[in-house]
Structures are given as C-alpha cells and as structure tokens.
Amino acid sequence: MSTSTTVGSTIPRRTLGIALRRAREDARVTMTDAAEVIGQTVQSLRRIEHGAVSTPKGKVTLLCRYYGVPETTRTVLEQLAGETRAKGWWHSYGDVVPAWFELYVALEQTADRIRTFEPWLMPGLLQDVGYMEAAIRAVEPDLRPEQIAALVKVRRSRQRQLTRAFPAPPRFEAIIAESVLLAELPAGVMRAQIWHLLQATELPHVSLRVIPLSAGLHRASVTGAFGLLDFAAEHGNTPPSTVYSESQTGAIYLDKPAEIAVYMDVWAAVENAALTESQSVESMSRRLKELNDHEC
C-alpha cells in the first residue's frame, strides 16, 4: 500500500509527520536510511514528514521500531496513521497523556501565529509556576507531587517558544476574561501571576487583552476556551489553520474552512468585547495594586 494524499483532516498527518521527523533526528538516522526501511524514496519520506500525505500504520510501526520510539508513543503514532481521513479529529487522552501531549506541543511549536481565548484560566503559555501548580491541583487533585512537577516541566518547556531566538517566536495573542484575574488563590500566587503577565506584554510579539465584566454576554460565552493556530507556508503550500479545544478527557481539532470561519467570527466578537492592549495593562496593574495593598 503506497502513501496517498488524504481528503480528510490534515491535522493527524501533519502531527504524525512532525513526530516522525523528530524521532528520526533524535535517533540520528539519515533520510536515506529511513526511506530504505519502508521501501520509499527520500522524496516520499520527505512528504510524509511534512504531513503532505497519509501513511499506512505498518510503515509507521517500522519507522518507530527503527528509531527506537517507546511503545506508548508508538501506539499514539499508529493511531494517528489511522485518523488521517477523519472530517474532524477527536483524541481521547486515556493512558498515553504524556506521549500525546508531546505531540500537541510539537504541533503548537510549528505555528506561526497562536490565538487563544480563556474565560476561566490563565493561558498556558503565560502561566507563572505557582499558578501552574495551583491550576493542576484544581483539575487533578489526586496527582502526586512528582506528577505535578512533571506537568509543570512540560508547561515551562512550552513557554520557551515565546522567548526563543531561532526560529523566530510566533505571534501570540491571548484574550482572557476579567474574572480570571479575580480568582481566589493562595497568598502571593495571583500577585506573582499578574506580574508575570505584565512582563509578558513587554514582548513585541505578545498581545494580552482583557474582557471586562461590564462586557456582559458575547458570542464566546457559549463557545468556551479555544485556540487558533496558523502556520507559515511550507514548500509553496500554506497548511490550513487549526482550531483546538480541550476538555477533561480529550481535545478536538478542526481544520475545515467552514469550521475555521465560524471560529474566526467568534474571535472577532471576542476582540470587539475586549479592552485595548493599553487598557488591559491598566486593568491588570490596578488588580496587582489591589493585591499588593491587601497582602501588605
């Protein structure tokens, strides 16, 4: 069975390609050697790694074994190989959370522009360590300290893309509800978090805006948290934008033009409801002063 261009969602095959390329590079295997393992040309392997074509599960298994990919990660990659014709894509985390989340991080780190709306939590890429720990405990109260530490490590690793020198960091735009700033947290946690946000707004490629309580209901009141990932052109083709929405048990990814158009409209509505960047900085600064006065 040869590889073929899929008519379904591009997201699984692009994510699979990113993961396979990283696994090959980590194993220090040349494209020529890897192509021989699956009986393909180097050009065909390059198309697989760029997510331009779907890949049979058997060839994914061969590559994973040749690269020495751990079994849990290999299982996820094999599942991805079977998902390339899905119209929308849902992945349930199950027992492979670490392996799966690493794949999402790989996709996120290839984005040229990231937009996120958060009505309940600080955006993951802008969370301070103390806030990370509090948020993880709130969602998964039964985790052991070492498990929390591991999740914090993953989140901190994700954040490095905002300060990296090469490749150029993505344009990151976040909009949060004012209620996120008003959450009751352990002493000092929210104060440190808001200071962290204010520092992030000084980065030229980071935009953070706040929707005030006075804005009332808006189009995203029903939508909930979501992210929009845009990608730069590769070899003359621009990968479609991706909508990402996470829940307690999994995440849904959408990349069809009609789906993206809906979320673009929602994003526009959220932007209209939000304060300007300078007004948002003023709002966060006022909240920080309130916390400082209260804790003194």
Protein backbone atom coordinates (compact mmCIF):
# COMPACT_ATOMS: atom_id res chain seq x y z
CA MET A 1 0.00 0.00 0.00
CA SER A 2 1.50 3.35 -1.01
CA THR A 3 1.03 6.70 0.63
CA SER A 4 -1.70 8.90 -0.80
CA THR A 5 -2.97 12.38 -0.31
CA THR A 6 -5.82 12.38 2.17
CA VAL A 7 -9.13 14.15 1.64
CA GLY A 8 -9.87 14.26 5.35
CA SER A 9 -8.38 16.30 8.16
CA THR A 10 -4.79 17.41 7.64
CA ILE A 11 -4.15 17.63 11.38
CA PRO A 12 -3.32 13.97 12.16
CA ARG A 13 -0.93 13.58 9.25
CA ARG A 14 0.82 16.87 9.96
CA THR A 15 1.21 15.95 13.62
CA LEU A 16 2.39 12.47 12.65
CA GLY A 17 4.92 13.94 10.23
CA ILE A 18 6.33 16.28 12.88
CA ALA A 19 6.65 13.41 15.38
CA LEU A 20 8.31 11.07 12.88
CA ARG A 21 10.79 13.72 11.80
CA ARG A 22 11.75 14.48 15.40
CA ALA A 23 12.09 10.77 16.22
CA ARG A 24 14.36 10.28 13.21
CA GLU A 25 16.52 13.26 14.10
CA ASP A 26 16.74 12.16 17.75
CA ALA A 27 17.86 8.71 16.59
CA ARG A 28 20.43 10.33 14.23
CA VAL A 29 19.07 8.40 11.27
CA THR A 30 19.51 9.82 7.75
CA MET A 31 16.53 10.23 5.46
CA THR A 32 18.16 7.80 3.03
CA ASP A 33 18.38 5.02 5.63
CA ALA A 34 14.85 5.68 6.91
CA ALA A 35 13.41 5.64 3.39
CA GLU A 36 15.03 2.27 2.72
CA VAL A 37 13.41 0.80 5.84
CA ILE A 38 9.92 1.43 4.44
CA GLY A 39 10.79 0.92 0.78
CA GLN A 40 10.22 4.54 -0.18
CA THR A 41 12.27 7.22 -1.89
CA VAL A 42 13.74 10.08 0.09
CA GLN A 43 11.26 12.39 -1.64
CA SER A 44 8.35 10.21 -0.44
CA LEU A 45 9.70 10.21 3.12
CA ARG A 46 10.04 13.98 2.99
CA ARG A 47 6.37 14.27 2.01
CA ILE A 48 5.45 12.06 4.97
CA GLU A 49 7.48 14.19 7.38
CA HIS A 50 5.91 17.37 6.01
CA GLY A 51 2.41 15.94 6.51
CA ALA A 52 1.63 16.13 2.81
CA VAL A 53 0.41 12.53 2.56
CA SER A 54 -1.15 9.88 4.77
CA THR A 55 1.00 6.98 5.97
CA PRO A 56 -0.03 3.33 6.43
CA LYS A 57 0.13 2.10 10.01
CA GLY A 58 2.60 -0.66 9.07
CA LYS A 59 5.16 1.82 7.80
CA VAL A 60 4.76 3.96 10.91
CA THR A 61 5.44 0.86 13.01
CA LEU A 62 8.58 0.04 11.02
CA LEU A 63 9.92 3.57 11.37
CA CYS A 64 9.16 3.73 15.09
CA ARG A 65 10.96 0.45 15.74
CA TYR A 66 13.94 1.55 13.67
CA TYR A 67 14.11 4.84 15.57
CA GLY A 68 13.72 3.17 18.96
CA VAL A 69 10.49 5.04 19.79
CA PRO A 70 8.97 3.98 23.18
CA GLU A 71 5.94 1.71 22.91
CA THR A 72 3.47 4.22 24.38
CA THR A 73 4.48 6.88 21.86
CA ARG A 74 4.49 4.34 19.03
CA THR A 75 0.90 3.42 19.91
CA VAL A 76 -0.16 7.06 19.58
CA LEU A 77 1.63 7.44 16.24
CA GLU A 78 -0.03 4.29 14.93
CA GLN A 79 -3.39 5.73 15.96
CA LEU A 80 -2.57 8.95 14.13
CA ALA A 81 -1.89 6.94 10.97
CA GLY A 82 -5.46 5.66 11.11
CA GLU A 83 -7.01 9.08 11.68
CA THR A 84 -5.92 10.88 8.52
CA ARG A 85 -9.29 10.66 6.78
CA ALA A 86 -11.37 11.96 9.68
CA LYS A 87 -13.55 15.01 8.95
CA GLY A 88 -12.87 16.37 12.40
CA TRP A 89 -10.47 14.92 14.86
CA TRP A 90 -11.02 13.90 18.43
CA HIS A 91 -8.37 12.26 20.55
CA SER A 92 -9.11 10.82 23.98
CA TYR A 93 -6.10 11.00 26.26
CA GLY A 94 -6.53 7.70 28.13
CA ASP A 95 -3.28 6.24 29.41
CA VAL A 96 -0.99 7.97 26.94
CA VAL A 97 -1.27 11.55 28.19
CA PRO A 98 2.48 12.31 28.26
CA ALA A 99 3.10 10.89 24.79
CA TRP A 100 0.03 12.54 23.30
CA PHE A 101 0.69 15.93 24.86
CA GLU A 102 4.22 15.93 23.49
CA LEU A 103 2.67 15.58 20.03
CA TYR A 104 0.40 18.56 20.59
CA VAL A 105 3.35 20.60 21.79
CA ALA A 106 5.19 19.70 18.58
CA LEU A 107 2.26 20.98 16.52
CA GLU A 108 1.96 24.13 18.62
CA GLN A 109 5.65 24.91 18.26
CA THR A 110 5.42 24.92 14.47
CA ALA A 111 2.69 27.57 14.48
CA ASP A 112 3.42 31.00 13.05
CA ARG A 113 0.58 32.64 14.97
CA ILE A 114 -1.28 31.45 18.07
CA ARG A 115 -4.51 32.97 19.32
CA THR A 116 -6.24 31.81 22.47
CA PHE A 117 -9.37 32.75 24.39
CA GLU A 118 -9.53 31.78 28.07
CA PRO A 119 -12.65 32.53 30.12
CA TRP A 120 -11.58 30.57 33.23
CA LEU A 121 -7.80 30.12 33.37
CA MET A 122 -4.62 31.98 32.54
CA PRO A 123 -3.32 30.91 29.11
CA GLY A 124 -0.87 28.04 29.48
CA LEU A 125 1.90 29.90 27.65
CA LEU A 126 1.60 32.79 30.14
CA GLN A 127 1.25 30.94 33.43
CA ASP A 128 3.66 31.56 36.30
CA VAL A 129 4.98 28.44 38.07
CA GLY A 130 2.90 28.98 41.21
CA TYR A 131 -0.26 29.39 39.13
CA MET A 132 0.59 26.27 37.13
CA GLU A 133 0.77 24.19 40.29
CA ALA A 134 -2.50 25.62 41.63
CA ALA A 135 -4.30 25.02 38.32
CA ILE A 136 -3.03 21.44 38.03
CA ARG A 137 -4.10 20.63 41.59
CA ALA A 138 -7.55 22.11 40.93
CA VAL A 139 -8.10 19.96 37.84
CA GLU A 140 -6.38 16.79 39.08
CA PRO A 141 -6.38 16.84 42.90
CA ASP A 142 -5.16 13.24 43.23
CA LEU A 143 -1.83 13.72 41.47
CA ARG A 144 1.35 13.04 43.41
CA PRO A 145 3.92 15.85 43.84
CA GLU A 146 6.27 14.28 41.30
CA GLN A 147 3.46 14.09 38.73
CA ILE A 148 2.63 17.76 39.26
CA ALA A 149 6.32 18.61 38.87
CA ALA A 150 6.42 16.69 35.58
CA LEU A 151 3.40 18.58 34.22
CA VAL A 152 4.90 21.90 35.30
CA LYS A 153 8.07 20.96 33.44
CA VAL A 154 6.08 20.36 30.25
CA ARG A 155 4.28 23.70 30.53
CA ARG A 156 7.51 25.58 31.16
CA SER A 157 9.05 23.86 28.16
CA ARG A 158 6.14 25.06 26.00
CA GLN A 159 6.70 28.64 27.15
CA ARG A 160 10.23 28.76 25.77
CA GLN A 161 8.85 29.24 22.27
CA LEU A 162 7.83 32.78 23.22
CA THR A 163 11.42 33.78 24.01
CA ARG A 164 13.39 31.64 21.58
CA ALA A 165 15.89 33.27 19.25
CA PHE A 166 15.56 30.81 16.35
CA PRO A 167 13.27 30.19 14.69
CA ALA A 168 11.51 33.48 15.30
CA PRO A 169 8.87 33.16 18.03
CA PRO A 170 5.23 33.00 16.93
CA ARG A 171 2.86 35.92 17.20
CA PHE A 172 0.90 35.14 20.39
CA GLU A 173 -2.43 36.82 21.08
CA ALA A 174 -4.39 36.00 24.22
CA ILE A 175 -7.74 37.30 25.43
CA ILE A 176 -8.89 36.48 28.95
CA ALA A 177 -12.00 37.26 30.96
CA GLU A 178 -11.55 39.72 33.81
CA SER A 179 -12.89 37.06 36.19
CA VAL A 180 -9.65 35.13 35.60
CA LEU A 181 -7.79 37.97 37.33
CA LEU A 182 -10.22 37.94 40.25
CA ALA A 183 -9.90 34.26 41.15
CA GLU A 184 -9.14 33.46 44.81
CA LEU A 185 -5.77 31.73 45.04
CA PRO A 186 -3.20 31.05 47.77
CA ALA A 187 -1.39 34.09 49.11
CA GLY A 188 1.05 35.55 46.63
CA VAL A 189 0.14 33.27 43.73
CA MET A 190 -2.12 35.69 41.87
CA ARG A 191 0.16 38.63 42.60
CA ALA A 192 3.12 36.79 41.06
CA GLN A 193 0.94 35.67 38.16
CA ILE A 194 -0.24 39.14 37.23
CA TRP A 195 3.31 40.47 37.47
CA HIS A 196 4.29 37.64 35.10
CA LEU A 197 1.55 38.75 32.67
CA LEU A 198 2.70 42.35 32.73
CA GLN A 199 6.24 41.26 31.93
CA ALA A 200 4.97 39.15 29.02
CA THR A 201 3.16 42.14 27.50
CA GLU A 202 6.56 43.81 27.05
CA LEU A 203 7.49 41.21 24.42
CA PRO A 204 6.86 42.71 20.96
CA HIS A 205 5.18 39.56 19.62
CA VAL A 206 2.83 39.05 22.59
CA SER A 207 -0.60 40.65 22.90
CA LEU A 208 -2.77 40.22 26.01
CA ARG A 209 -6.23 41.73 26.31
CA VAL A 210 -8.94 41.56 28.97
CA ILE A 211 -12.70 41.31 28.55
CA PRO A 212 -14.19 43.38 31.40
CA LEU A 213 -17.07 42.11 33.48
CA SER A 214 -19.12 45.00 32.14
CA ALA A 215 -18.99 43.49 28.63
CA GLY A 216 -21.71 41.02 29.60
CA LEU A 217 -22.52 38.08 27.35
CA HIS A 218 -20.83 37.68 23.98
CA ARG A 219 -20.53 35.07 21.24
CA ALA A 220 -17.78 33.11 23.01
CA SER A 221 -19.85 32.82 26.19
CA VAL A 222 -21.13 29.51 24.82
CA THR A 223 -18.03 28.53 22.86
CA GLY A 224 -15.76 28.42 25.90
CA ALA A 225 -11.96 28.29 25.73
CA PHE A 226 -10.36 27.66 22.35
CA GLY A 227 -7.18 28.25 20.41
CA LEU A 228 -6.46 29.17 16.80
CA LEU A 229 -3.16 28.07 15.28
CA ASP A 230 -1.93 29.49 11.96
CA PHE A 231 1.05 28.12 10.06
CA ALA A 232 3.57 29.62 7.66
CA ALA A 233 3.84 28.38 4.09
CA GLU A 234 5.95 25.26 3.51
CA HIS A 235 7.26 24.42 0.03
CA GLY A 236 4.76 26.78 -1.54
CA ASN A 237 1.75 25.45 0.40
CA THR A 238 0.21 27.02 3.48
CA PRO A 239 -1.18 24.45 5.93
CA PRO A 240 -4.77 25.21 6.99
CA SER A 241 -5.38 26.93 10.28
CA THR A 242 -6.35 24.71 13.20
CA VAL A 243 -8.89 25.16 15.98
CA TYR A 244 -8.00 23.47 19.25
CA SER A 245 -10.42 22.94 22.13
CA GLU A 246 -9.53 20.89 25.19
CA SER A 247 -11.72 19.13 27.75
CA GLN A 248 -11.20 16.88 30.76
CA THR A 249 -10.97 13.74 28.63
CA GLY A 250 -9.53 14.84 25.32
CA ALA A 251 -9.26 17.50 22.67
CA ILE A 252 -10.95 18.29 19.41
CA TYR A 253 -9.10 19.69 16.39
CA LEU A 254 -10.85 21.31 13.43
CA ASP A 255 -9.31 22.50 10.16
CA LYS A 256 -12.08 22.69 7.56
CA PRO A 257 -12.64 26.16 6.01
CA ALA A 258 -16.24 26.36 7.26
CA GLU A 259 -15.18 25.42 10.80
CA ILE A 260 -12.32 27.91 10.81
CA ALA A 261 -14.66 30.62 9.51
CA VAL A 262 -17.02 30.11 12.47
CA TYR A 263 -14.22 30.44 15.00
CA MET A 264 -12.78 33.44 13.18
CA ASP A 265 -16.14 35.14 13.66
CA VAL A 266 -16.12 34.16 17.34
CA TRP A 267 -12.59 35.55 17.71
CA ALA A 268 -13.68 38.81 16.10
CA ALA A 269 -16.55 39.05 18.59
CA VAL A 270 -14.17 38.42 21.50
CA GLU A 271 -11.81 41.12 20.21
CA ASN A 272 -14.70 43.57 19.99
CA ALA A 273 -15.66 42.84 23.60
CA ALA A 274 -12.10 43.18 24.94
CA LEU A 275 -10.27 46.23 26.19
CA THR A 276 -7.39 47.55 24.11
CA GLU A 277 -3.89 46.34 24.95
CA SER A 278 -3.05 49.51 26.89
CA GLN A 279 -6.39 49.45 28.74
CA SER A 280 -5.78 45.79 29.58
CA VAL A 281 -2.37 46.61 31.04
CA GLU A 282 -4.02 49.30 33.16
CA SER A 283 -6.65 46.81 34.34
CA MET A 284 -4.01 44.25 35.32
CA SER A 285 -1.92 46.92 37.03
CA ARG A 286 -4.92 48.01 39.12
CA ARG A 287 -5.57 44.41 40.11
CA LEU A 288 -1.91 43.97 41.09
CA LYS A 289 -2.08 47.11 43.25
CA GLU A 290 -5.22 45.77 44.98
CA LEU A 291 -3.41 42.53 45.77
CA ASN A 292 -0.31 44.34 46.99
CA ASP A 293 -2.40 46.58 49.27
CA HIS A 294 -4.33 43.58 50.58
CA GLU A 295 -1.25 41.47 51.31
CA CYS A 296 0.78 44.25 52.94
